[in-house]
């Protein structure tokens, strides 16, 4: 693969990642979610407060659920298998 092909591939991958980040922002940002970290804490509630340009998702736990884990951060690849939207 020559330099021009590698550069084009990198641009395409960057565009795909940006599309995924924008979709995640529309789906998760500002929403109340529930999750279980499998550490004996049970189901916790939180609110997605940030989706960075790098694909990091930040969830702040709601009052009453913020004892041991006040917030958590995960990469975009783990969001769909970790978080569940809560209807409110």
PDB file of N, CA and C in Angstrom:
ATOM      1  N   UNK A   1       0.851  -1.169   0.000  1.00  0.00           N
ATOM      2  CA  UNK A   1       0.000   0.000   0.000  1.00  0.00           C
ATOM      3  C   UNK A   1       0.899   1.235   0.000  1.00  0.00           C
ATOM      4  N   UNK A   2       0.663   2.111  -0.920  1.00  0.00           N
ATOM      5  CA  UNK A   2       1.511   3.302  -0.973  1.00  0.00           C
ATOM      6  C   UNK A   2       0.986   4.386  -0.026  1.00  0.00           C
ATOM      7  N   UNK A   3       1.733   5.448   0.054  1.00  0.00           N
ATOM      8  CA  UNK A   3       1.423   6.520   1.016  1.00  0.00           C
ATOM      9  C   UNK A   3       0.056   7.152   0.749  1.00  0.00           C
ATOM     10  N   UNK A   4      -0.271   7.386  -0.511  1.00  0.00           N
ATOM     11  CA  UNK A   4      -1.541   8.021  -0.857  1.00  0.00           C
ATOM     12  C   UNK A   4      -2.719   7.119  -0.466  1.00  0.00           C
ATOM     13  N   UNK A   5      -2.593   5.819  -0.676  1.00  0.00           N
ATOM     14  CA  UNK A   5      -3.652   4.886  -0.296  1.00  0.00           C
ATOM     15  C   UNK A   5      -3.833   4.844   1.218  1.00  0.00           C
ATOM     16  N   UNK A   6      -2.727   4.844   1.958  1.00  0.00           N
ATOM     17  CA  UNK A   6      -2.816   4.831   3.430  1.00  0.00           C
ATOM     18  C   UNK A   6      -3.495   6.088   3.940  1.00  0.00           C
ATOM     19  N   UNK A   7      -3.149   7.234   3.352  1.00  0.00           N
ATOM     20  CA  UNK A   7      -3.745   8.502   3.767  1.00  0.00           C
ATOM     21  C   UNK A   7      -5.249   8.489   3.515  1.00  0.00           C
ATOM     22  N   UNK A   8      -5.665   7.986   2.358  1.00  0.00           N
ATOM     23  CA  UNK A   8      -7.090   7.905   2.037  1.00  0.00           C
ATOM     24  C   UNK A   8      -7.836   6.984   2.970  1.00  0.00           C
ATOM     25  N   UNK A   9      -7.216   5.853   3.300  1.00  0.00           N
ATOM     26  CA  UNK A   9      -7.835   4.908   4.229  1.00  0.00           C
ATOM     27  C   UNK A   9      -8.005   5.540   5.601  1.00  0.00           C
ATOM     28  N   UNK A  10      -6.993   6.267   6.053  1.00  0.00           N
ATOM     29  CA  UNK A  10      -7.076   6.935   7.354  1.00  0.00           C
ATOM     30  C   UNK A  10      -8.182   7.971   7.396  1.00  0.00           C
ATOM     31  N   UNK A  11      -8.351   8.696   6.310  1.00  0.00           N
ATOM     32  CA  UNK A  11      -9.427   9.692   6.241  1.00  0.00           C
ATOM     33  C   UNK A  11     -10.796   9.031   6.290  1.00  0.00           C
ATOM     34  N   UNK A  12     -10.959   7.917   5.552  1.00  0.00           N
ATOM     35  CA  UNK A  12     -12.242   7.212   5.559  1.00  0.00           C
ATOM     36  C   UNK A  12     -12.558   6.685   6.952  1.00  0.00           C
ATOM     37  N   UNK A  13     -11.569   6.104   7.619  1.00  0.00           N
ATOM     38  CA  UNK A  13     -11.790   5.593   8.974  1.00  0.00           C
ATOM     39  C   UNK A  13     -12.145   6.723   9.931  1.00  0.00           C
ATOM     40  N   UNK A  14     -11.504   7.877   9.775  1.00  0.00           N
ATOM     41  CA  UNK A  14     -11.811   9.035  10.612  1.00  0.00           C
ATOM     42  C   UNK A  14     -13.230   9.514  10.397  1.00  0.00           C
ATOM     43  N   UNK A  15     -13.691   9.502   9.143  1.00  0.00           N
ATOM     44  CA  UNK A  15     -15.063   9.919   8.837  1.00  0.00           C
ATOM     45  C   UNK A  15     -16.068   8.951   9.439  1.00  0.00           C
ATOM     46  N   UNK A  16     -15.781   7.657   9.346  1.00  0.00           N
ATOM     47  CA  UNK A  16     -16.673   6.646   9.919  1.00  0.00           C
ATOM     48  C   UNK A  16     -16.758   6.828  11.432  1.00  0.00           C
ATOM     49  N   UNK A  17     -15.627   7.091  12.079  1.00  0.00           N
ATOM     50  CA  UNK A  17     -15.629   7.290  13.530  1.00  0.00           C
ATOM     51  C   UNK A  17     -16.423   8.537  13.898  1.00  0.00           C
ATOM     52  N   UNK A  18     -16.284   9.613  13.146  1.00  0.00           N
ATOM     53  CA  UNK A  18     -17.024  10.837  13.447  1.00  0.00           C
ATOM     54  C   UNK A  18     -18.526  10.628  13.291  1.00  0.00           C
ATOM     55  N   UNK A  19     -18.932   9.843  12.299  1.00  0.00           N
ATOM     56  CA  UNK A  19     -20.352   9.525  12.126  1.00  0.00           C
ATOM     57  C   UNK A  19     -20.858   8.741  13.330  1.00  0.00           C
ATOM     58  N   UNK A  20     -20.084   7.766  13.791  1.00  0.00           N
ATOM     59  CA  UNK A  20     -20.475   6.969  14.962  1.00  0.00           C
ATOM     60  C   UNK A  20     -20.594   7.848  16.203  1.00  0.00           C
ATOM     61  N   UNK A  21     -19.693   8.807  16.359  1.00  0.00           N
ATOM     62  CA  UNK A  21     -19.735   9.709  17.515  1.00  0.00           C
ATOM     63  C   UNK A  21     -20.980  10.588  17.452  1.00  0.00           C
ATOM     64  N   UNK A  22     -21.299  11.107  16.274  1.00  0.00           N
ATOM     65  CA  UNK A  22     -22.501  11.940  16.127  1.00  0.00           C
ATOM     66  C   UNK A  22     -23.762  11.127  16.416  1.00  0.00           C
ATOM     67  N   UNK A  23     -23.805   9.875  15.955  1.00  0.00           N
ATOM     68  CA  UNK A  23     -24.957   9.018  16.241  1.00  0.00           C
ATOM     69  C   UNK A  23     -25.072   8.738  17.738  1.00  0.00           C
ATOM     70  N   UNK A  24     -23.946   8.510  18.392  1.00  0.00           N
ATOM     71  CA  UNK A  24     -23.956   8.268  19.836  1.00  0.00           C
ATOM     72  C   UNK A  24     -24.429   9.502  20.585  1.00  0.00           C
ATOM     73  N   UNK A  25     -24.021  10.668  20.145  1.00  0.00           N
ATOM     74  CA  UNK A  25     -24.482  11.905  20.802  1.00  0.00           C
ATOM     75  C   UNK A  25     -25.992  12.039  20.682  1.00  0.00           C
ATOM     76  N   UNK A  26     -26.537  11.757  19.505  1.00  0.00           N
ATOM     77  CA  UNK A  26     -27.987  11.862  19.327  1.00  0.00           C
ATOM     78  C   UNK A  26     -28.724  10.840  20.191  1.00  0.00           C
ATOM     79  N   UNK A  27     -28.171   9.642  20.305  1.00  0.00           N
ATOM     80  CA  UNK A  27     -28.851   8.585  21.048  1.00  0.00           C
ATOM     81  C   UNK A  27     -28.711   8.726  22.560  1.00  0.00           C
ATOM     82  N   UNK A  28     -27.524   9.085  23.062  1.00  0.00           N
ATOM     83  CA  UNK A  28     -27.228   8.994  24.494  1.00  0.00           C
ATOM     84  C   UNK A  28     -27.128  10.324  25.229  1.00  0.00           C
ATOM     85  N   UNK A  29     -26.644  11.368  24.607  1.00  0.00           N
ATOM     86  CA  UNK A  29     -26.315  12.611  25.312  1.00  0.00           C
ATOM     87  C   UNK A  29     -27.543  13.228  26.000  1.00  0.00           C
ATOM     88  N   UNK A  30     -27.419  13.461  27.294  1.00  0.00           N
ATOM     89  CA  UNK A  30     -28.491  14.053  28.086  1.00  0.00           C
ATOM     90  C   UNK A  30     -29.545  13.066  28.549  1.00  0.00           C
ATOM     91  N   UNK A  31     -29.411  11.803  28.197  1.00  0.00           N
ATOM     92  CA  UNK A  31     -30.412  10.792  28.538  1.00  0.00           C
ATOM     93  C   UNK A  31     -30.094  10.123  29.870  1.00  0.00           C
ATOM     94  N   UNK A  32     -31.149   9.695  30.551  1.00  0.00           N
ATOM     95  CA  UNK A  32     -31.003   8.915  31.774  1.00  0.00           C
ATOM     96  C   UNK A  32     -30.811   7.454  31.379  1.00  0.00           C
ATOM     97  N   UNK A  33     -29.831   6.823  32.005  1.00  0.00           N
ATOM     98  CA  UNK A  33     -29.487   5.440  31.681  1.00  0.00           C
ATOM     99  C   UNK A  33     -29.374   4.611  32.949  1.00  0.00           C
ATOM    100  N   UNK A  34     -29.484   3.315  32.792  1.00  0.00           N
ATOM    101  CA  UNK A  34     -29.206   2.402  33.903  1.00  0.00           C
ATOM    102  C   UNK A  34     -28.089   1.472  33.470  1.00  0.00           C
ATOM    103  N   UNK A  35     -27.336   1.004  34.461  1.00  0.00           N
ATOM    104  CA  UNK A  35     -26.215   0.121  34.180  1.00  0.00           C
ATOM    105  C   UNK A  35     -25.890  -0.692  35.416  1.00  0.00           C
ATOM    106  N   UNK A  36     -25.224  -1.795  35.199  1.00  0.00           N
ATOM    107  CA  UNK A  36     -24.750  -2.645  36.290  1.00  0.00           C
ATOM    108  C   UNK A  36     -23.282  -2.933  36.025  1.00  0.00           C
ATOM    109  N   UNK A  37     -22.423  -2.536  36.929  1.00  0.00           N
ATOM    110  CA  UNK A  37     -20.984  -2.729  36.759  1.00  0.00           C
ATOM    111  C   UNK A  37     -20.517  -4.094  37.252  1.00  0.00           C
ATOM    112  N   UNK A  38     -21.443  -4.907  37.722  1.00  0.00           N
ATOM    113  CA  UNK A  38     -21.141  -6.263  38.199  1.00  0.00           C
ATOM    114  C   UNK A  38     -20.089  -6.255  39.310  1.00  0.00           C
ATOM    115  N   UNK A  39     -20.237  -5.305  40.236  1.00  0.00           N
ATOM    116  CA  UNK A  39     -19.352  -5.222  41.391  1.00  0.00           C
ATOM    117  C   UNK A  39     -20.151  -5.329  42.680  1.00  0.00           C
ATOM    118  N   UNK A  40     -21.336  -5.926  42.596  1.00  0.00           N
ATOM    119  CA  UNK A  40     -22.176  -6.087  43.774  1.00  0.00           C
ATOM    120  C   UNK A  40     -22.942  -4.838  44.146  1.00  0.00           C
ATOM    121  N   UNK A  41     -22.966  -3.842  43.268  1.00  0.00           N
ATOM    122  CA  UNK A  41     -23.658  -2.589  43.560  1.00  0.00           C
ATOM    123  C   UNK A  41     -25.084  -2.585  43.028  1.00  0.00           C
ATOM    124  N   UNK A  42     -25.427  -3.551  42.213  1.00  0.00           N
ATOM    125  CA  UNK A  42     -26.754  -3.609  41.611  1.00  0.00           C
ATOM    126  C   UNK A  42     -26.904  -2.603  40.478  1.00  0.00           C
ATOM    127  N   UNK A  43     -28.149  -2.387  40.112  1.00  0.00           N
ATOM    128  CA  UNK A  43     -28.457  -1.458  39.027  1.00  0.00           C
ATOM    129  C   UNK A  43     -28.284  -0.032  39.529  1.00  0.00           C
ATOM    130  N   UNK A  44     -27.608   0.789  38.745  1.00  0.00           N
ATOM    131  CA  UNK A  44     -27.406   2.196  39.082  1.00  0.00           C
ATOM    132  C   UNK A  44     -27.998   3.053  37.984  1.00  0.00           C
ATOM    133  N   UNK A  45     -28.424   4.259  38.352  1.00  0.00           N
ATOM    134  CA  UNK A  45     -28.951   5.214  37.386  1.00  0.00           C
ATOM    135  C   UNK A  45     -27.971   6.357  37.216  1.00  0.00           C
ATOM    136  N   UNK A  46     -27.886   6.856  35.999  1.00  0.00           N
ATOM    137  CA  UNK A  46     -27.010   7.983  35.724  1.00  0.00           C
ATOM    138  C   UNK A  46     -27.500   8.758  34.523  1.00  0.00           C
ATOM    139  N   UNK A  47     -26.787   9.809  34.206  1.00  0.00           N
ATOM    140  CA  UNK A  47     -27.116  10.650  33.062  1.00  0.00           C
ATOM    141  C   UNK A  47     -25.872  10.808  32.209  1.00  0.00           C
ATOM    142  N   UNK A  48     -25.999  10.610  30.913  1.00  0.00           N
ATOM    143  CA  UNK A  48     -24.868  10.783  29.998  1.00  0.00           C
ATOM    144  C   UNK A  48     -24.639  12.280  29.833  1.00  0.00           C
ATOM    145  N   UNK A  49     -23.472  12.743  30.264  1.00  0.00           N
ATOM    146  CA  UNK A  49     -23.194  14.177  30.249  1.00  0.00           C
ATOM    147  C   UNK A  49     -22.221  14.599  29.154  1.00  0.00           C
ATOM    148  N   UNK A  50     -21.520  13.632  28.544  1.00  0.00           N
ATOM    149  CA  UNK A  50     -20.535  14.008  27.542  1.00  0.00           C
ATOM    150  C   UNK A  50     -20.217  12.839  26.617  1.00  0.00           C
ATOM    151  N   UNK A  51     -20.045  13.165  25.342  1.00  0.00           N
ATOM    152  CA  UNK A  51     -19.485  12.236  24.357  1.00  0.00           C
ATOM    153  C   UNK A  51     -18.391  13.032  23.654  1.00  0.00           C
ATOM    154  N   UNK A  52     -17.137  12.689  23.928  1.00  0.00           N
ATOM    155  CA  UNK A  52     -16.018  13.477  23.404  1.00  0.00           C
ATOM    156  C   UNK A  52     -15.783  13.195  21.924  1.00  0.00           C
ATOM    157  N   UNK A  53     -14.999  14.049  21.294  1.00  0.00           N
ATOM    158  CA  UNK A  53     -14.640  13.856  19.888  1.00  0.00           C
ATOM    159  C   UNK A  53     -13.809  12.599  19.694  1.00  0.00           C
ATOM    160  N   UNK A  54     -13.178  12.114  20.759  1.00  0.00           N
ATOM    161  CA  UNK A  54     -12.400  10.887  20.700  1.00  0.00           C
ATOM    162  C   UNK A  54     -13.225   9.632  20.934  1.00  0.00           C
ATOM    163  N   UNK A  55     -14.512   9.796  21.257  1.00  0.00           N
ATOM    164  CA  UNK A  55     -15.391   8.651  21.455  1.00  0.00           C
ATOM    165  C   UNK A  55     -15.527   8.196  22.887  1.00  0.00           C
ATOM    166  N   UNK A  56     -15.122   9.022  23.849  1.00  0.00           N
ATOM    167  CA  UNK A  56     -15.277   8.672  25.260  1.00  0.00           C
ATOM    168  C   UNK A  56     -16.629   9.168  25.761  1.00  0.00           C
ATOM    169  N   UNK A  57     -17.339   8.311  26.479  1.00  0.00           N
ATOM    170  CA  UNK A  57     -18.664   8.626  27.004  1.00  0.00           C
ATOM    171  C   UNK A  57     -18.570   8.751  28.519  1.00  0.00           C
ATOM    172  N   UNK A  58     -19.086   9.866  29.061  1.00  0.00           N
ATOM    173  CA  UNK A  58     -19.042  10.105  30.505  1.00  0.00           C
ATOM    174  C   UNK A  58     -20.466  10.065  31.047  1.00  0.00           C
ATOM    175  N   UNK A  59     -20.654   9.266  32.105  1.00  0.00           N
ATOM    176  CA  UNK A  59     -21.947   9.128  32.770  1.00  0.00           C
ATOM    177  C   UNK A  59     -21.778   9.563  34.215  1.00  0.00           C
ATOM    178  N   UNK A  60     -22.606  10.504  34.662  1.00  0.00           N
ATOM    179  CA  UNK A  60     -22.618  10.909  36.075  1.00  0.00           C
ATOM    180  C   UNK A  60     -23.790  10.210  36.746  1.00  0.00           C
ATOM    181  N   UNK A  61     -23.526   9.582  37.885  1.00  0.00           N
ATOM    182  CA  UNK A  61     -24.577   8.882  38.612  1.00  0.00           C
ATOM    183  C   UNK A  61     -25.533   9.876  39.245  1.00  0.00           C
ATOM    184  N   UNK A  62     -26.797   9.508  39.297  1.00  0.00           N
ATOM    185  CA  UNK A  62     -27.808  10.370  39.898  1.00  0.00           C
ATOM    186  C   UNK A  62     -27.715  10.303  41.419  1.00  0.00           C
ATOM    187  N   UNK A  63     -28.184  11.342  42.131  1.00  0.00           N
ATOM    188  CA  UNK A  63     -28.172  11.317  43.593  1.00  0.00           C
ATOM    189  C   UNK A  63     -28.874  10.063  44.116  1.00  0.00           C
ATOM    190  N   UNK A  64     -28.276   9.454  45.106  1.00  0.00           N
ATOM    191  CA  UNK A  64     -28.793   8.210  45.653  1.00  0.00           C
ATOM    192  C   UNK A  64     -28.118   6.991  45.034  1.00  0.00           C
ATOM    193  N   UNK A  65     -27.480   7.182  43.890  1.00  0.00           N
ATOM    194  CA  UNK A  65     -26.767   6.091  43.222  1.00  0.00           C
ATOM    195  C   UNK A  65     -25.276   6.405  43.099  1.00  0.00           C
ATOM    196  N   UNK A  66     -24.834   7.481  43.737  1.00  0.00           N
ATOM    197  CA  UNK A  66     -23.466   7.972  43.533  1.00  0.00           C
ATOM    198  C   UNK A  66     -22.532   7.650  44.692  1.00  0.00           C
ATOM    199  N   UNK A  67     -22.804   6.584  45.425  1.00  0.00           N
ATOM    200  CA  UNK A  67     -21.976   6.230  46.573  1.00  0.00           C
ATOM    201  C   UNK A  67     -20.563   5.834  46.199  1.00  0.00           C
ATOM    202  N   UNK A  68     -20.396   4.631  45.724  1.00  0.00           N
ATOM    203  CA  UNK A  68     -19.075   4.099  45.414  1.00  0.00           C
ATOM    204  C   UNK A  68     -18.573   4.595  44.061  1.00  0.00           C
ATOM    205  N   UNK A  69     -19.472   4.729  43.096  1.00  0.00           N
ATOM    206  CA  UNK A  69     -19.095   5.132  41.734  1.00  0.00           C
ATOM    207  C   UNK A  69     -19.839   6.425  41.394  1.00  0.00           C
ATOM    208  N   UNK A  70     -19.224   7.602  41.608  1.00  0.00           N
ATOM    209  CA  UNK A  70     -19.912   8.856  41.322  1.00  0.00           C
ATOM    210  C   UNK A  70     -20.057   9.136  39.827  1.00  0.00           C
ATOM    211  N   UNK A  71     -19.145   8.611  39.025  1.00  0.00           N
ATOM    212  CA  UNK A  71     -19.241   8.766  37.576  1.00  0.00           C
ATOM    213  C   UNK A  71     -18.401   7.680  36.919  1.00  0.00           C
ATOM    214  N   UNK A  72     -18.624   7.479  35.634  1.00  0.00           N
ATOM    215  CA  UNK A  72     -17.816   6.513  34.921  1.00  0.00           C
ATOM    216  C   UNK A  72     -17.589   6.998  33.502  1.00  0.00           C
ATOM    217  N   UNK A  73     -16.537   6.484  32.917  1.00  0.00           N
ATOM    218  CA  UNK A  73     -16.157   6.855  31.561  1.00  0.00           C
ATOM    219  C   UNK A  73     -15.858   5.573  30.799  1.00  0.00           C
ATOM    220  N   UNK A  74     -16.339   5.496  29.571  1.00  0.00           N
ATOM    221  CA  UNK A  74     -16.097   4.299  28.763  1.00  0.00           C
ATOM    222  C   UNK A  74     -15.947   4.700  27.302  1.00  0.00           C
ATOM    223  N   UNK A  75     -15.344   3.817  26.547  1.00  0.00           N
ATOM    224  CA  UNK A  75     -15.218   4.088  25.120  1.00  0.00           C
ATOM    225  C   UNK A  75     -16.530   3.726  24.433  1.00  0.00           C
ATOM    226  N   UNK A  76     -16.698   4.275  23.263  1.00  0.00           N
ATOM    227  CA  UNK A  76     -17.930   4.107  22.506  1.00  0.00           C
ATOM    228  C   UNK A  76     -18.263   2.640  22.248  1.00  0.00           C
ATOM    229  N   UNK A  77     -17.259   1.794  22.139  1.00  0.00           N
ATOM    230  CA  UNK A  77     -17.483   0.386  21.856  1.00  0.00           C
ATOM    231  C   UNK A  77     -18.201  -0.374  22.959  1.00  0.00           C
ATOM    232  N   UNK A  78     -18.177   0.137  24.187  1.00  0.00           N
ATOM    233  CA  UNK A  78     -18.804  -0.553  25.310  1.00  0.00           C
ATOM    234  C   UNK A  78     -20.173   0.008  25.674  1.00  0.00           C
ATOM    235  N   UNK A  79     -20.568   1.107  25.077  1.00  0.00           N
ATOM    236  CA  UNK A  79     -21.794   1.792  25.489  1.00  0.00           C
ATOM    237  C   UNK A  79     -23.027   0.929  25.283  1.00  0.00           C
ATOM    238  N   UNK A  80     -23.198   0.366  24.096  1.00  0.00           N
ATOM    239  CA  UNK A  80     -24.409  -0.397  23.807  1.00  0.00           C
ATOM    240  C   UNK A  80     -24.551  -1.647  24.664  1.00  0.00           C
ATOM    241  N   UNK A  81     -23.445  -2.235  25.096  1.00  0.00           N
ATOM    242  CA  UNK A  81     -23.543  -3.437  25.923  1.00  0.00           C
ATOM    243  C   UNK A  81     -23.563  -3.122  27.421  1.00  0.00           C
ATOM    244  N   UNK A  82     -23.302  -1.873  27.807  1.00  0.00           N
ATOM    245  CA  UNK A  82     -23.253  -1.518  29.221  1.00  0.00           C
ATOM    246  C   UNK A  82     -24.458  -0.683  29.664  1.00  0.00           C
ATOM    247  N   UNK A  83     -24.866   0.266  28.839  1.00  0.00           N
ATOM    248  CA  UNK A  83     -25.925   1.199  29.221  1.00  0.00           C
ATOM    249  C   UNK A  83     -27.270   0.798  28.618  1.00  0.00           C
ATOM    250  N   UNK A  84     -28.339   1.140  29.347  1.00  0.00           N
ATOM    251  CA  UNK A  84     -29.687   0.944  28.846  1.00  0.00           C
ATOM    252  C   UNK A  84     -30.469   2.233  29.092  1.00  0.00           C
ATOM    253  N   UNK A  85     -31.150   2.731  28.068  1.00  0.00           N
ATOM    254  CA  UNK A  85     -31.936   3.948  28.217  1.00  0.00           C
ATOM    255  C   UNK A  85     -33.101   3.709  29.176  1.00  0.00           C
ATOM    256  N   UNK A  86     -33.408   4.732  29.983  1.00  0.00           N
ATOM    257  CA  UNK A  86     -34.528   4.676  30.918  1.00  0.00           C
ATOM    258  C   UNK A  86     -35.557   5.679  30.438  1.00  0.00           C
ATOM    259  N   UNK A  87     -36.801   5.239  30.323  1.00  0.00           N
ATOM    260  CA  UNK A  87     -37.873   6.144  29.891  1.00  0.00           C
ATOM    261  C   UNK A  87     -38.220   7.098  31.015  1.00  0.00           C
ATOM    262  N   UNK A  88     -38.119   8.389  30.735  1.00  0.00           N
ATOM    263  CA  UNK A  88     -38.494   9.413  31.721  1.00  0.00           C
ATOM    264  C   UNK A  88     -39.098  10.574  31.008  1.00  0.00           C
TER     265      UNK A  88
END
